[in-house]
């Protein structure tokens, strides 16, 4: 006797071959074999990406040269402004690879940290120089006309330097002579044996 499912059991409906009973009122969805992920970038670096990375690395080298010789600071500043603006536009347009974005962030951060620290040190050096100048001026004003006169008597300035007293003879040389002699005689094994002690 064939067994049929009970009326309480769930059953799967089978597709009907008749068009009137078909469930496909809408056309079937098109399947994409490889749908691109949103915000995905191509793995091949673009020409803009590689040129931007090269410019950023060259800018870092230019910055190091500019701070060492202090001659090309203004040239570097104008070049960096153009490079940073171009890289920012490419970044906002989504044309930079992740590696170039990291290079951009790293170079920008390094330049910022070094430039900020140099600026702070220059401000401190200028403050120290200003304070030293003010202290020197106040000292010279306090001394008045005697500030540039010699404080040594004329006879002491004309006299030749005093000779040094002779070095006293070393009394320890005579005391240590037997030990030095023993050490030289036993140079191969300079440790005292039980018999020597």
N, C-alpha and C. Protein backbone atom coordinates (compact mmCIF):
# COMPACT_ATOMS: atom_id res chain seq x y z
N UNK A 1 0.84 -1.15 0.00
CA UNK A 1 0.00 0.00 0.00
C UNK A 1 0.90 1.24 0.00
N UNK A 2 0.65 2.17 -0.92
CA UNK A 2 1.51 3.36 -1.01
C UNK A 2 1.28 4.28 0.18
N UNK A 3 2.36 4.86 0.59
CA UNK A 3 2.27 5.76 1.74
C UNK A 3 2.28 7.19 1.24
N UNK A 4 1.32 7.93 1.65
CA UNK A 4 1.24 9.34 1.30
C UNK A 4 1.48 10.16 2.56
N UNK A 5 2.05 11.32 2.40
CA UNK A 5 2.27 12.13 3.60
C UNK A 5 0.95 12.56 4.19
N UNK A 6 0.98 12.72 5.47
CA UNK A 6 -0.25 13.15 6.13
C UNK A 6 -0.53 14.61 5.78
N UNK A 7 -1.68 15.09 6.04
CA UNK A 7 -2.05 16.45 5.69
C UNK A 7 -1.31 17.47 6.56
N UNK A 8 -0.80 17.03 7.70
CA UNK A 8 -0.06 17.94 8.58
C UNK A 8 1.39 18.11 8.13
N UNK A 9 1.92 17.23 7.34
CA UNK A 9 3.32 17.26 6.93
C UNK A 9 3.53 18.33 5.86
N UNK A 10 4.68 18.97 5.93
CA UNK A 10 5.00 19.97 4.92
C UNK A 10 5.54 19.26 3.69
N UNK A 11 5.09 19.71 2.56
CA UNK A 11 5.59 19.12 1.32
C UNK A 11 6.09 20.23 0.43
N UNK A 12 7.00 19.90 -0.41
CA UNK A 12 7.55 20.85 -1.35
C UNK A 12 6.71 20.82 -2.60
N UNK A 13 6.37 22.02 -3.09
CA UNK A 13 5.56 22.06 -4.31
C UNK A 13 6.45 21.84 -5.50
N UNK A 14 5.96 21.16 -6.46
CA UNK A 14 6.70 20.87 -7.68
C UNK A 14 6.32 21.91 -8.72
N UNK A 15 7.27 22.31 -9.54
CA UNK A 15 6.94 23.30 -10.57
C UNK A 15 5.94 22.70 -11.57
N UNK A 16 5.09 23.55 -11.99
CA UNK A 16 4.06 23.12 -12.94
C UNK A 16 4.55 23.37 -14.35
N UNK A 17 4.16 22.52 -15.22
CA UNK A 17 4.57 22.70 -16.61
C UNK A 17 3.60 23.61 -17.36
N UNK A 18 2.46 23.87 -16.79
CA UNK A 18 1.51 24.72 -17.50
C UNK A 18 1.84 26.17 -17.21
N UNK A 19 1.77 27.04 -18.23
CA UNK A 19 2.12 28.44 -18.05
C UNK A 19 1.16 29.16 -17.14
N UNK A 20 -0.07 28.79 -17.07
CA UNK A 20 -1.03 29.50 -16.22
C UNK A 20 -0.77 29.23 -14.75
N UNK A 21 -0.22 28.05 -14.45
CA UNK A 21 0.04 27.73 -13.06
C UNK A 21 1.49 28.02 -12.65
N UNK A 22 2.24 28.60 -13.56
CA UNK A 22 3.66 28.86 -13.26
C UNK A 22 3.79 30.02 -12.29
N UNK A 23 4.80 29.94 -11.45
CA UNK A 23 5.06 30.99 -10.48
C UNK A 23 5.94 32.09 -11.03
N UNK A 24 6.33 31.97 -12.24
CA UNK A 24 7.29 32.92 -12.79
C UNK A 24 6.57 34.07 -13.48
N UNK A 25 6.01 34.95 -12.72
CA UNK A 25 5.40 36.13 -13.30
C UNK A 25 6.47 37.11 -13.74
N UNK A 26 7.60 37.06 -13.07
CA UNK A 26 8.72 37.92 -13.44
C UNK A 26 9.78 37.08 -14.13
N UNK A 27 10.59 37.69 -14.98
CA UNK A 27 11.66 36.90 -15.61
C UNK A 27 12.69 36.50 -14.54
N UNK A 28 13.33 35.38 -14.72
CA UNK A 28 14.31 34.93 -13.73
C UNK A 28 15.46 35.94 -13.64
N UNK A 29 16.03 36.09 -12.49
CA UNK A 29 17.13 37.05 -12.35
C UNK A 29 18.36 36.57 -13.10
N UNK A 30 19.08 37.55 -13.63
CA UNK A 30 20.32 37.20 -14.33
C UNK A 30 21.40 36.93 -13.30
N UNK A 31 22.12 35.86 -13.49
CA UNK A 31 23.18 35.51 -12.56
C UNK A 31 24.51 36.00 -13.13
N UNK A 32 25.28 36.65 -12.28
CA UNK A 32 26.61 37.09 -12.68
C UNK A 32 27.61 36.05 -12.15
N UNK A 33 28.50 35.69 -13.02
CA UNK A 33 29.49 34.70 -12.59
C UNK A 33 30.43 35.29 -11.55
N UNK A 34 30.93 36.48 -11.81
CA UNK A 34 31.88 37.12 -10.88
C UNK A 34 31.43 38.56 -10.68
N UNK A 35 30.58 38.77 -9.73
CA UNK A 35 30.12 40.12 -9.45
C UNK A 35 31.22 40.88 -8.73
N UNK A 36 31.52 42.11 -9.17
CA UNK A 36 32.58 42.86 -8.49
C UNK A 36 32.13 43.29 -7.10
N UNK A 37 33.05 43.28 -6.19
CA UNK A 37 32.78 43.73 -4.83
C UNK A 37 32.68 45.26 -4.84
N UNK A 38 31.80 45.82 -4.02
CA UNK A 38 31.75 47.27 -3.99
C UNK A 38 33.06 47.84 -3.44
N UNK A 39 33.52 48.93 -4.00
CA UNK A 39 34.74 49.63 -3.62
C UNK A 39 36.00 48.80 -3.86
N UNK A 40 35.91 47.82 -4.72
CA UNK A 40 37.12 47.04 -4.99
C UNK A 40 37.95 47.77 -6.03
N UNK A 41 39.25 47.63 -5.89
CA UNK A 41 40.16 48.25 -6.83
C UNK A 41 40.85 47.16 -7.63
N UNK A 42 41.30 47.53 -8.78
CA UNK A 42 42.02 46.55 -9.57
C UNK A 42 43.36 46.28 -8.90
N UNK A 43 43.87 45.09 -9.11
CA UNK A 43 45.12 44.73 -8.46
C UNK A 43 46.31 45.33 -9.20
N UNK A 44 46.15 45.70 -10.45
CA UNK A 44 47.25 46.29 -11.19
C UNK A 44 47.31 47.79 -10.88
N UNK A 45 48.47 48.29 -10.49
CA UNK A 45 48.55 49.70 -10.17
C UNK A 45 48.43 50.55 -11.44
N UNK A 46 47.71 51.61 -11.32
CA UNK A 46 47.55 52.48 -12.47
C UNK A 46 48.80 53.34 -12.63
N UNK A 47 48.86 54.01 -13.74
CA UNK A 47 50.01 54.87 -14.01
C UNK A 47 50.02 56.04 -13.03
N UNK A 48 48.84 56.57 -12.71
CA UNK A 48 48.74 57.66 -11.74
C UNK A 48 49.19 57.20 -10.36
N UNK A 49 48.81 56.00 -9.99
CA UNK A 49 49.19 55.45 -8.69
C UNK A 49 50.70 55.33 -8.56
N UNK A 50 51.35 54.76 -9.56
CA UNK A 50 52.80 54.57 -9.47
C UNK A 50 53.54 55.90 -9.56
N UNK A 51 53.06 56.83 -10.37
CA UNK A 51 53.74 58.13 -10.45
C UNK A 51 53.54 58.92 -9.16
N UNK A 52 52.38 58.78 -8.56
CA UNK A 52 52.11 59.47 -7.29
C UNK A 52 53.01 58.91 -6.19
N UNK A 53 53.16 57.59 -6.15
CA UNK A 53 54.04 56.97 -5.16
C UNK A 53 55.48 57.43 -5.35
N UNK A 54 55.92 57.48 -6.60
CA UNK A 54 57.29 57.92 -6.87
C UNK A 54 57.49 59.38 -6.47
N UNK A 55 56.50 60.22 -6.72
CA UNK A 55 56.58 61.63 -6.32
C UNK A 55 56.65 61.78 -4.81
N UNK A 56 55.86 60.98 -4.11
CA UNK A 56 55.86 61.07 -2.65
C UNK A 56 57.21 60.66 -2.07
N UNK A 57 57.78 59.59 -2.58
CA UNK A 57 59.08 59.15 -2.09
C UNK A 57 60.18 60.15 -2.45
N UNK A 58 60.09 60.73 -3.65
CA UNK A 58 61.06 61.76 -4.05
C UNK A 58 60.91 63.00 -3.17
N UNK A 59 59.67 63.32 -2.79
CA UNK A 59 59.44 64.48 -1.93
C UNK A 59 60.06 64.27 -0.56
N UNK A 60 59.99 63.04 -0.06
CA UNK A 60 60.62 62.77 1.23
C UNK A 60 62.13 62.98 1.16
N UNK A 61 62.74 62.52 0.08
CA UNK A 61 64.19 62.73 -0.09
C UNK A 61 64.51 64.21 -0.24
N UNK A 62 63.68 64.94 -0.98
CA UNK A 62 63.89 66.38 -1.14
C UNK A 62 63.79 67.10 0.20
N UNK A 63 62.87 66.66 1.04
CA UNK A 63 62.72 67.26 2.36
C UNK A 63 63.98 67.05 3.19
N UNK A 64 64.53 65.85 3.15
CA UNK A 64 65.75 65.58 3.91
C UNK A 64 66.91 66.44 3.41
N UNK A 65 67.02 66.60 2.09
CA UNK A 65 68.07 67.46 1.55
C UNK A 65 67.84 68.92 1.94
N UNK A 66 66.59 69.35 1.93
CA UNK A 66 66.28 70.75 2.23
C UNK A 66 66.59 71.09 3.69
N UNK A 67 66.35 70.15 4.61
CA UNK A 67 66.63 70.48 6.01
C UNK A 67 68.10 70.35 6.35
N UNK A 68 68.88 69.64 5.54
CA UNK A 68 70.30 69.54 5.85
C UNK A 68 71.08 70.75 5.36
N UNK A 69 70.75 71.29 4.17
CA UNK A 69 71.52 72.42 3.69
C UNK A 69 70.77 73.74 3.78
N UNK A 70 69.51 73.73 4.15
CA UNK A 70 68.68 74.91 4.39
C UNK A 70 68.58 75.84 3.18
N UNK A 71 69.07 75.42 2.03
CA UNK A 71 69.02 76.29 0.86
C UNK A 71 67.74 76.10 0.06
N UNK A 72 67.24 74.88 -0.02
CA UNK A 72 66.09 74.60 -0.87
C UNK A 72 64.79 74.47 -0.12
N UNK A 73 64.64 75.14 1.03
CA UNK A 73 63.42 75.00 1.82
C UNK A 73 62.20 75.55 1.09
N UNK A 74 62.34 76.71 0.46
CA UNK A 74 61.20 77.31 -0.24
C UNK A 74 60.83 76.50 -1.47
N UNK A 75 61.84 76.00 -2.18
CA UNK A 75 61.55 75.15 -3.35
C UNK A 75 60.82 73.89 -2.92
N UNK A 76 61.28 73.29 -1.82
CA UNK A 76 60.61 72.09 -1.34
C UNK A 76 59.18 72.38 -0.93
N UNK A 77 58.97 73.50 -0.24
CA UNK A 77 57.63 73.83 0.24
C UNK A 77 56.65 73.96 -0.92
N UNK A 78 57.06 74.62 -1.99
CA UNK A 78 56.15 74.77 -3.14
C UNK A 78 55.94 73.42 -3.84
N UNK A 79 57.00 72.63 -3.97
CA UNK A 79 56.88 71.31 -4.60
C UNK A 79 56.00 70.39 -3.75
N UNK A 80 56.15 70.43 -2.42
CA UNK A 80 55.36 69.56 -1.55
C UNK A 80 53.89 69.94 -1.60
N UNK A 81 53.60 71.24 -1.70
CA UNK A 81 52.20 71.66 -1.77
C UNK A 81 51.53 71.09 -3.01
N UNK A 82 52.23 71.10 -4.14
CA UNK A 82 51.67 70.55 -5.39
C UNK A 82 51.52 69.03 -5.28
N UNK A 83 52.54 68.36 -4.77
CA UNK A 83 52.50 66.89 -4.65
C UNK A 83 51.40 66.45 -3.69
N UNK A 84 51.29 67.10 -2.55
CA UNK A 84 50.27 66.73 -1.57
C UNK A 84 48.87 66.99 -2.11
N UNK A 85 48.69 68.09 -2.85
CA UNK A 85 47.37 68.39 -3.43
C UNK A 85 47.00 67.33 -4.47
N UNK A 86 47.96 66.97 -5.30
CA UNK A 86 47.70 65.96 -6.34
C UNK A 86 47.38 64.60 -5.72
N UNK A 87 48.15 64.21 -4.69
CA UNK A 87 47.91 62.92 -4.02
C UNK A 87 46.57 62.94 -3.31
N UNK A 88 46.19 64.05 -2.72
CA UNK A 88 44.90 64.14 -2.03
C UNK A 88 43.75 64.00 -3.01
N UNK A 89 43.87 64.65 -4.17
CA UNK A 89 42.81 64.53 -5.18
C UNK A 89 42.69 63.09 -5.66
N UNK A 90 43.81 62.42 -5.91
CA UNK A 90 43.78 61.03 -6.36
C UNK A 90 43.21 60.13 -5.27
N UNK A 91 43.53 60.42 -4.02
CA UNK A 91 43.01 59.63 -2.90
C UNK A 91 41.50 59.79 -2.79
N UNK A 92 41.02 61.02 -2.90
CA UNK A 92 39.58 61.26 -2.80
C UNK A 92 38.82 60.65 -3.97
N UNK A 93 39.47 60.56 -5.13
CA UNK A 93 38.84 59.95 -6.29
C UNK A 93 38.91 58.42 -6.24
N UNK A 94 39.64 57.87 -5.29
CA UNK A 94 39.77 56.42 -5.15
C UNK A 94 40.71 55.80 -6.17
N UNK A 95 41.68 56.57 -6.64
CA UNK A 95 42.60 56.07 -7.66
C UNK A 95 43.91 55.55 -7.10
N UNK A 96 44.11 55.65 -5.80
CA UNK A 96 45.36 55.19 -5.20
C UNK A 96 45.18 53.80 -4.60
N UNK A 97 46.19 52.99 -4.77
CA UNK A 97 46.17 51.66 -4.16
C UNK A 97 46.40 51.80 -2.66
N UNK A 98 46.17 50.72 -1.95
CA UNK A 98 46.35 50.74 -0.50
C UNK A 98 47.81 51.01 -0.15
N UNK A 99 48.73 50.44 -0.91
CA UNK A 99 50.16 50.65 -0.64
C UNK A 99 50.53 52.12 -0.82
N UNK A 100 50.00 52.75 -1.85
CA UNK A 100 50.31 54.16 -2.08
C UNK A 100 49.65 55.04 -1.03
N UNK A 101 48.48 54.66 -0.57
CA UNK A 101 47.84 55.41 0.51
C UNK A 101 48.70 55.35 1.77
N UNK A 102 49.26 54.19 2.05
CA UNK A 102 50.13 54.06 3.22
C UNK A 102 51.40 54.89 3.05
N UNK A 103 51.96 54.90 1.83
CA UNK A 103 53.14 55.72 1.56
C UNK A 103 52.80 57.20 1.76
N UNK A 104 51.64 57.62 1.26
CA UNK A 104 51.20 59.00 1.40
C UNK A 104 51.07 59.37 2.87
N UNK A 105 50.43 58.51 3.65
CA UNK A 105 50.26 58.79 5.07
C UNK A 105 51.61 58.83 5.78
N UNK A 106 52.48 57.87 5.49
CA UNK A 106 53.78 57.78 6.16
C UNK A 106 54.65 59.00 5.84
N UNK A 107 54.74 59.34 4.56
CA UNK A 107 55.58 60.48 4.17
C UNK A 107 55.02 61.76 4.77
N UNK A 108 53.71 61.94 4.70
CA UNK A 108 53.09 63.15 5.26
C UNK A 108 53.36 63.24 6.75
N UNK A 109 53.23 62.13 7.44
CA UNK A 109 53.44 62.12 8.89
C UNK A 109 54.89 62.42 9.24
N UNK A 110 55.82 61.82 8.50
CA UNK A 110 57.24 62.07 8.78
C UNK A 110 57.59 63.53 8.56
N UNK A 111 57.14 64.08 7.44
CA UNK A 111 57.43 65.48 7.16
C UNK A 111 56.81 66.38 8.22
N UNK A 112 55.60 66.07 8.63
CA UNK A 112 54.93 66.87 9.65
C UNK A 112 55.68 66.82 10.98
N UNK A 113 56.07 65.63 11.41
CA UNK A 113 56.74 65.48 12.71
C UNK A 113 58.08 66.20 12.70
N UNK A 114 58.88 65.99 11.65
CA UNK A 114 60.21 66.61 11.60
C UNK A 114 60.09 68.12 11.48
N UNK A 115 59.20 68.61 10.61
CA UNK A 115 59.05 70.05 10.44
C UNK A 115 58.54 70.71 11.72
N UNK A 116 57.61 70.07 12.39
CA UNK A 116 57.09 70.63 13.64
C UNK A 116 58.18 70.69 14.71
N UNK A 117 58.95 69.63 14.82
CA UNK A 117 60.03 69.60 15.82
C UNK A 117 61.11 70.62 15.49
N UNK A 118 61.48 70.75 14.21
CA UNK A 118 62.48 71.74 13.83
C UNK A 118 61.99 73.15 14.12
N UNK A 119 60.73 73.39 13.85
CA UNK A 119 60.16 74.71 14.11
C UNK A 119 60.20 75.02 15.61
N UNK A 120 59.84 74.04 16.43
CA UNK A 120 59.88 74.24 17.88
C UNK A 120 61.31 74.49 18.37
N UNK A 121 62.28 73.74 17.81
CA UNK A 121 63.67 73.94 18.21
C UNK A 121 64.19 75.30 17.77
N UNK A 122 63.79 75.75 16.57
CA UNK A 122 64.21 77.07 16.11
C UNK A 122 63.62 78.16 17.01
N UNK A 123 62.38 77.98 17.44
CA UNK A 123 61.77 78.95 18.35
C UNK A 123 62.51 78.98 19.68
N UNK A 124 62.87 77.79 20.19
CA UNK A 124 63.63 77.73 21.45
C UNK A 124 64.99 78.37 21.29
N UNK A 125 65.68 78.10 20.17
CA UNK A 125 67.01 78.68 19.94
C UNK A 125 66.92 80.20 19.83
N UNK A 126 65.89 80.70 19.15
CA UNK A 126 65.72 82.14 19.05
C UNK A 126 65.45 82.76 20.41
N UNK A 127 64.65 82.07 21.24
CA UNK A 127 64.40 82.56 22.59
C UNK A 127 65.65 82.60 23.44
N UNK A 128 66.48 81.55 23.33
CA UNK A 128 67.73 81.49 24.09
C UNK A 128 68.68 82.59 23.62
N UNK A 129 68.76 82.79 22.30
CA UNK A 129 69.63 83.84 21.76
C UNK A 129 69.17 85.22 22.22
N UNK A 130 67.87 85.46 22.19
CA UNK A 130 67.34 86.75 22.63
C UNK A 130 67.62 86.98 24.12
N UNK A 131 67.45 85.93 24.92
CA UNK A 131 67.71 86.05 26.36
C UNK A 131 69.19 86.29 26.61
N UNK A 132 70.06 85.59 25.89
CA UNK A 132 71.51 85.80 26.05
C UNK A 132 71.92 87.20 25.65
N UNK A 133 71.34 87.72 24.58
CA UNK A 133 71.64 89.08 24.14
C UNK A 133 71.18 90.09 25.19
N UNK A 134 69.98 89.88 25.72
CA UNK A 134 69.47 90.80 26.74
C UNK A 134 70.33 90.73 28.00
N UNK A 135 70.75 89.53 28.41
CA UNK A 135 71.61 89.38 29.59
C UNK A 135 72.96 90.06 29.38
N UNK A 136 73.55 89.88 28.19
CA UNK A 136 74.84 90.51 27.89
C UNK A 136 74.72 92.02 27.90
N UNK A 137 73.63 92.55 27.32
CA UNK A 137 73.45 94.00 27.30
C UNK A 137 73.27 94.55 28.72
N UNK A 138 72.49 93.84 29.54
CA UNK A 138 72.29 94.33 30.90
C UNK A 138 73.58 94.24 31.71
N UNK A 139 74.40 93.22 31.48
CA UNK A 139 75.68 93.11 32.18
C UNK A 139 76.62 94.24 31.78
N UNK A 140 76.69 94.51 30.46
CA UNK A 140 77.57 95.57 29.99
C UNK A 140 77.09 96.93 30.49
N UNK A 141 75.80 97.13 30.55
CA UNK A 141 75.28 98.40 31.08
C UNK A 141 75.60 98.54 32.56
N UNK A 142 75.54 97.43 33.29
CA UNK A 142 75.84 97.48 34.72
C UNK A 142 77.33 97.76 34.97
N UNK A 143 78.19 97.25 34.10
CA UNK A 143 79.63 97.47 34.25
C UNK A 143 80.03 98.88 33.86
N UNK A 144 79.32 99.44 32.94
CA UNK A 144 79.63 100.80 32.49
C UNK A 144 80.91 100.85 31.70
N UNK A 145 81.75 101.85 31.99
CA UNK A 145 82.98 102.05 31.22
C UNK A 145 84.06 101.06 31.59
N UNK A 146 83.93 100.37 32.73
CA UNK A 146 84.96 99.42 33.15
C UNK A 146 84.76 98.04 32.52
N UNK A 147 83.76 97.89 31.70
CA UNK A 147 83.46 96.57 31.13
C UNK A 147 84.55 96.08 30.20
N UNK A 148 85.26 97.00 29.53
CA UNK A 148 86.26 96.56 28.54
C UNK A 148 87.69 96.81 28.99
N UNK A 149 87.92 97.04 30.27
CA UNK A 149 89.27 97.23 30.77
C UNK A 149 89.77 95.93 31.36
N UNK A 150 91.09 95.79 31.39
CA UNK A 150 91.70 94.57 31.91
C UNK A 150 91.68 94.60 33.42
N UNK A 151 91.43 93.48 34.06
CA UNK A 151 91.37 93.40 35.52
C UNK A 151 92.70 92.95 36.11
N UNK A 152 93.67 92.52 35.29
CA UNK A 152 94.96 92.08 35.81
C UNK A 152 95.91 93.28 35.90
N UNK A 153 96.75 93.29 36.91
CA UNK A 153 97.75 94.37 36.96
C UNK A 153 98.73 94.22 35.80
N UNK A 154 99.30 95.31 35.37
CA UNK A 154 100.19 95.31 34.21
C UNK A 154 101.42 94.47 34.45
N UNK A 155 101.95 94.43 35.68
CA UNK A 155 103.16 93.66 35.95
C UNK A 155 102.91 92.16 35.83
N UNK A 156 101.71 91.70 36.22
CA UNK A 156 101.40 90.27 36.14
C UNK A 156 101.20 89.84 34.69
N UNK A 157 100.69 90.72 33.86
CA UNK A 157 100.46 90.37 32.46
C UNK A 157 101.77 90.25 31.70
N UNK A 158 102.81 91.05 32.11
CA UNK A 158 104.08 91.03 31.38
C UNK A 158 105.02 89.93 31.85
N UNK A 159 104.80 89.37 33.03
CA UNK A 159 105.73 88.38 33.57
C UNK A 159 105.56 87.04 32.85
N UNK A 160 106.65 86.26 32.72
CA UNK A 160 106.56 84.95 32.07
C UNK A 160 105.83 83.97 32.99
N UNK A 161 105.30 82.90 32.43
CA UNK A 161 104.60 81.93 33.27
C UNK A 161 105.55 81.27 34.26
N UNK A 162 105.03 80.92 35.41
CA UNK A 162 105.84 80.30 36.46
C UNK A 162 106.16 78.86 36.09
N UNK A 163 107.39 78.43 36.41
CA UNK A 163 107.71 77.03 36.14
C UNK A 163 107.01 76.12 37.15
N UNK A 164 106.70 74.95 36.71
CA UNK A 164 106.03 74.00 37.60
C UNK A 164 107.03 73.41 38.59
N UNK A 165 106.57 73.14 39.79
CA UNK A 165 107.49 72.52 40.76
C UNK A 165 107.84 71.10 40.30
N UNK A 166 109.02 70.63 40.64
CA UNK A 166 109.40 69.28 40.22
C UNK A 166 108.53 68.21 40.89
N UNK A 167 108.31 67.14 40.16
CA UNK A 167 107.49 66.05 40.66
C UNK A 167 108.30 65.28 41.70
N UNK A 168 107.74 65.08 42.89
CA UNK A 168 108.50 64.33 43.90
C UNK A 168 108.75 62.90 43.45
N UNK A 169 109.86 62.33 43.88
CA UNK A 169 110.19 60.97 43.47
C UNK A 169 109.17 60.01 44.07
N UNK A 170 108.95 58.95 43.38
CA UNK A 170 107.94 57.99 43.78
C UNK A 170 108.55 57.01 44.79
N UNK A 171 108.13 57.06 46.06
CA UNK A 171 108.67 56.11 47.03
C UNK A 171 108.12 54.71 46.80
N UNK A 172 107.02 54.61 46.10
CA UNK A 172 106.44 53.29 45.87
C UNK A 172 107.25 52.47 44.89
N UNK A 173 108.06 53.12 44.06
CA UNK A 173 108.89 52.35 43.12
C UNK A 173 109.84 51.42 43.86
N UNK A 174 110.45 51.92 44.93
CA UNK A 174 111.38 51.09 45.70
C UNK A 174 110.65 50.00 46.46
N UNK A 175 109.44 50.30 46.89
CA UNK A 175 108.70 49.30 47.65
C UNK A 175 108.16 48.18 46.76
N UNK A 176 107.81 48.52 45.54
CA UNK A 176 107.22 47.52 44.65
C UNK A 176 108.23 46.79 43.77
N UNK A 177 109.49 47.13 43.85
CA UNK A 177 110.51 46.51 43.00
C UNK A 177 110.59 45.00 43.16
N UNK A 178 110.56 44.44 44.37
CA UNK A 178 110.65 42.97 44.48
C UNK A 178 109.45 42.27 43.85
N UNK A 179 108.29 42.88 44.01
CA UNK A 179 107.09 42.26 43.43
C UNK A 179 107.13 42.31 41.90
N UNK A 180 107.57 43.41 41.35
CA UNK A 180 107.70 43.53 39.91
C UNK A 180 108.70 42.49 39.38
N UNK A 181 109.79 42.34 40.10
CA UNK A 181 110.81 41.37 39.68
C UNK A 181 110.23 39.96 39.69
N UNK A 182 109.48 39.62 40.77
CA UNK A 182 108.88 38.28 40.85
C UNK A 182 107.88 38.08 39.72
N UNK A 183 107.08 39.08 39.41
CA UNK A 183 106.09 38.97 38.33
C UNK A 183 106.78 38.73 36.99
N UNK A 184 107.86 39.44 36.73
CA UNK A 184 108.58 39.24 35.47
C UNK A 184 109.24 37.86 35.41
N UNK A 185 109.73 37.37 36.54
CA UNK A 185 110.32 36.03 36.55
C UNK A 185 109.27 34.95 36.34
N UNK A 186 108.06 35.17 36.81
CA UNK A 186 106.98 34.18 36.70
C UNK A 186 105.90 34.64 35.73
N UNK A 187 106.30 35.22 34.65
CA UNK A 187 105.35 35.82 33.70
C UNK A 187 104.41 34.77 33.09
N UNK A 188 104.89 33.56 32.86
CA UNK A 188 104.08 32.51 32.24
C UNK A 188 102.94 32.09 33.16
N UNK A 189 103.15 32.06 34.47
CA UNK A 189 102.12 31.71 35.41
C UNK A 189 102.23 32.66 36.60
N UNK A 190 101.58 33.84 36.50
CA UNK A 190 101.83 34.89 37.50
C UNK A 190 101.01 34.76 38.78
N UNK A 191 100.61 33.55 39.16
CA UNK A 191 99.85 33.37 40.39
C UNK A 191 100.71 32.73 41.46
N UNK A 192 100.48 33.16 42.65
CA UNK A 192 101.26 32.62 43.77
C UNK A 192 100.86 31.17 44.04
N UNK A 193 101.88 30.36 44.26
CA UNK A 193 101.61 28.99 44.66
C UNK A 193 101.57 28.94 46.19
N UNK A 194 101.23 27.80 46.73
CA UNK A 194 101.17 27.64 48.18
C UNK A 194 102.53 27.85 48.80
N UNK A 195 103.58 27.46 48.11
CA UNK A 195 104.94 27.62 48.62
C UNK A 195 105.34 29.09 48.63
N UNK A 196 104.92 29.86 47.63
CA UNK A 196 105.26 31.28 47.57
C UNK A 196 104.52 32.11 48.61
N UNK A 197 103.35 31.66 49.00
CA UNK A 197 102.56 32.43 49.95
C UNK A 197 103.20 32.30 51.31
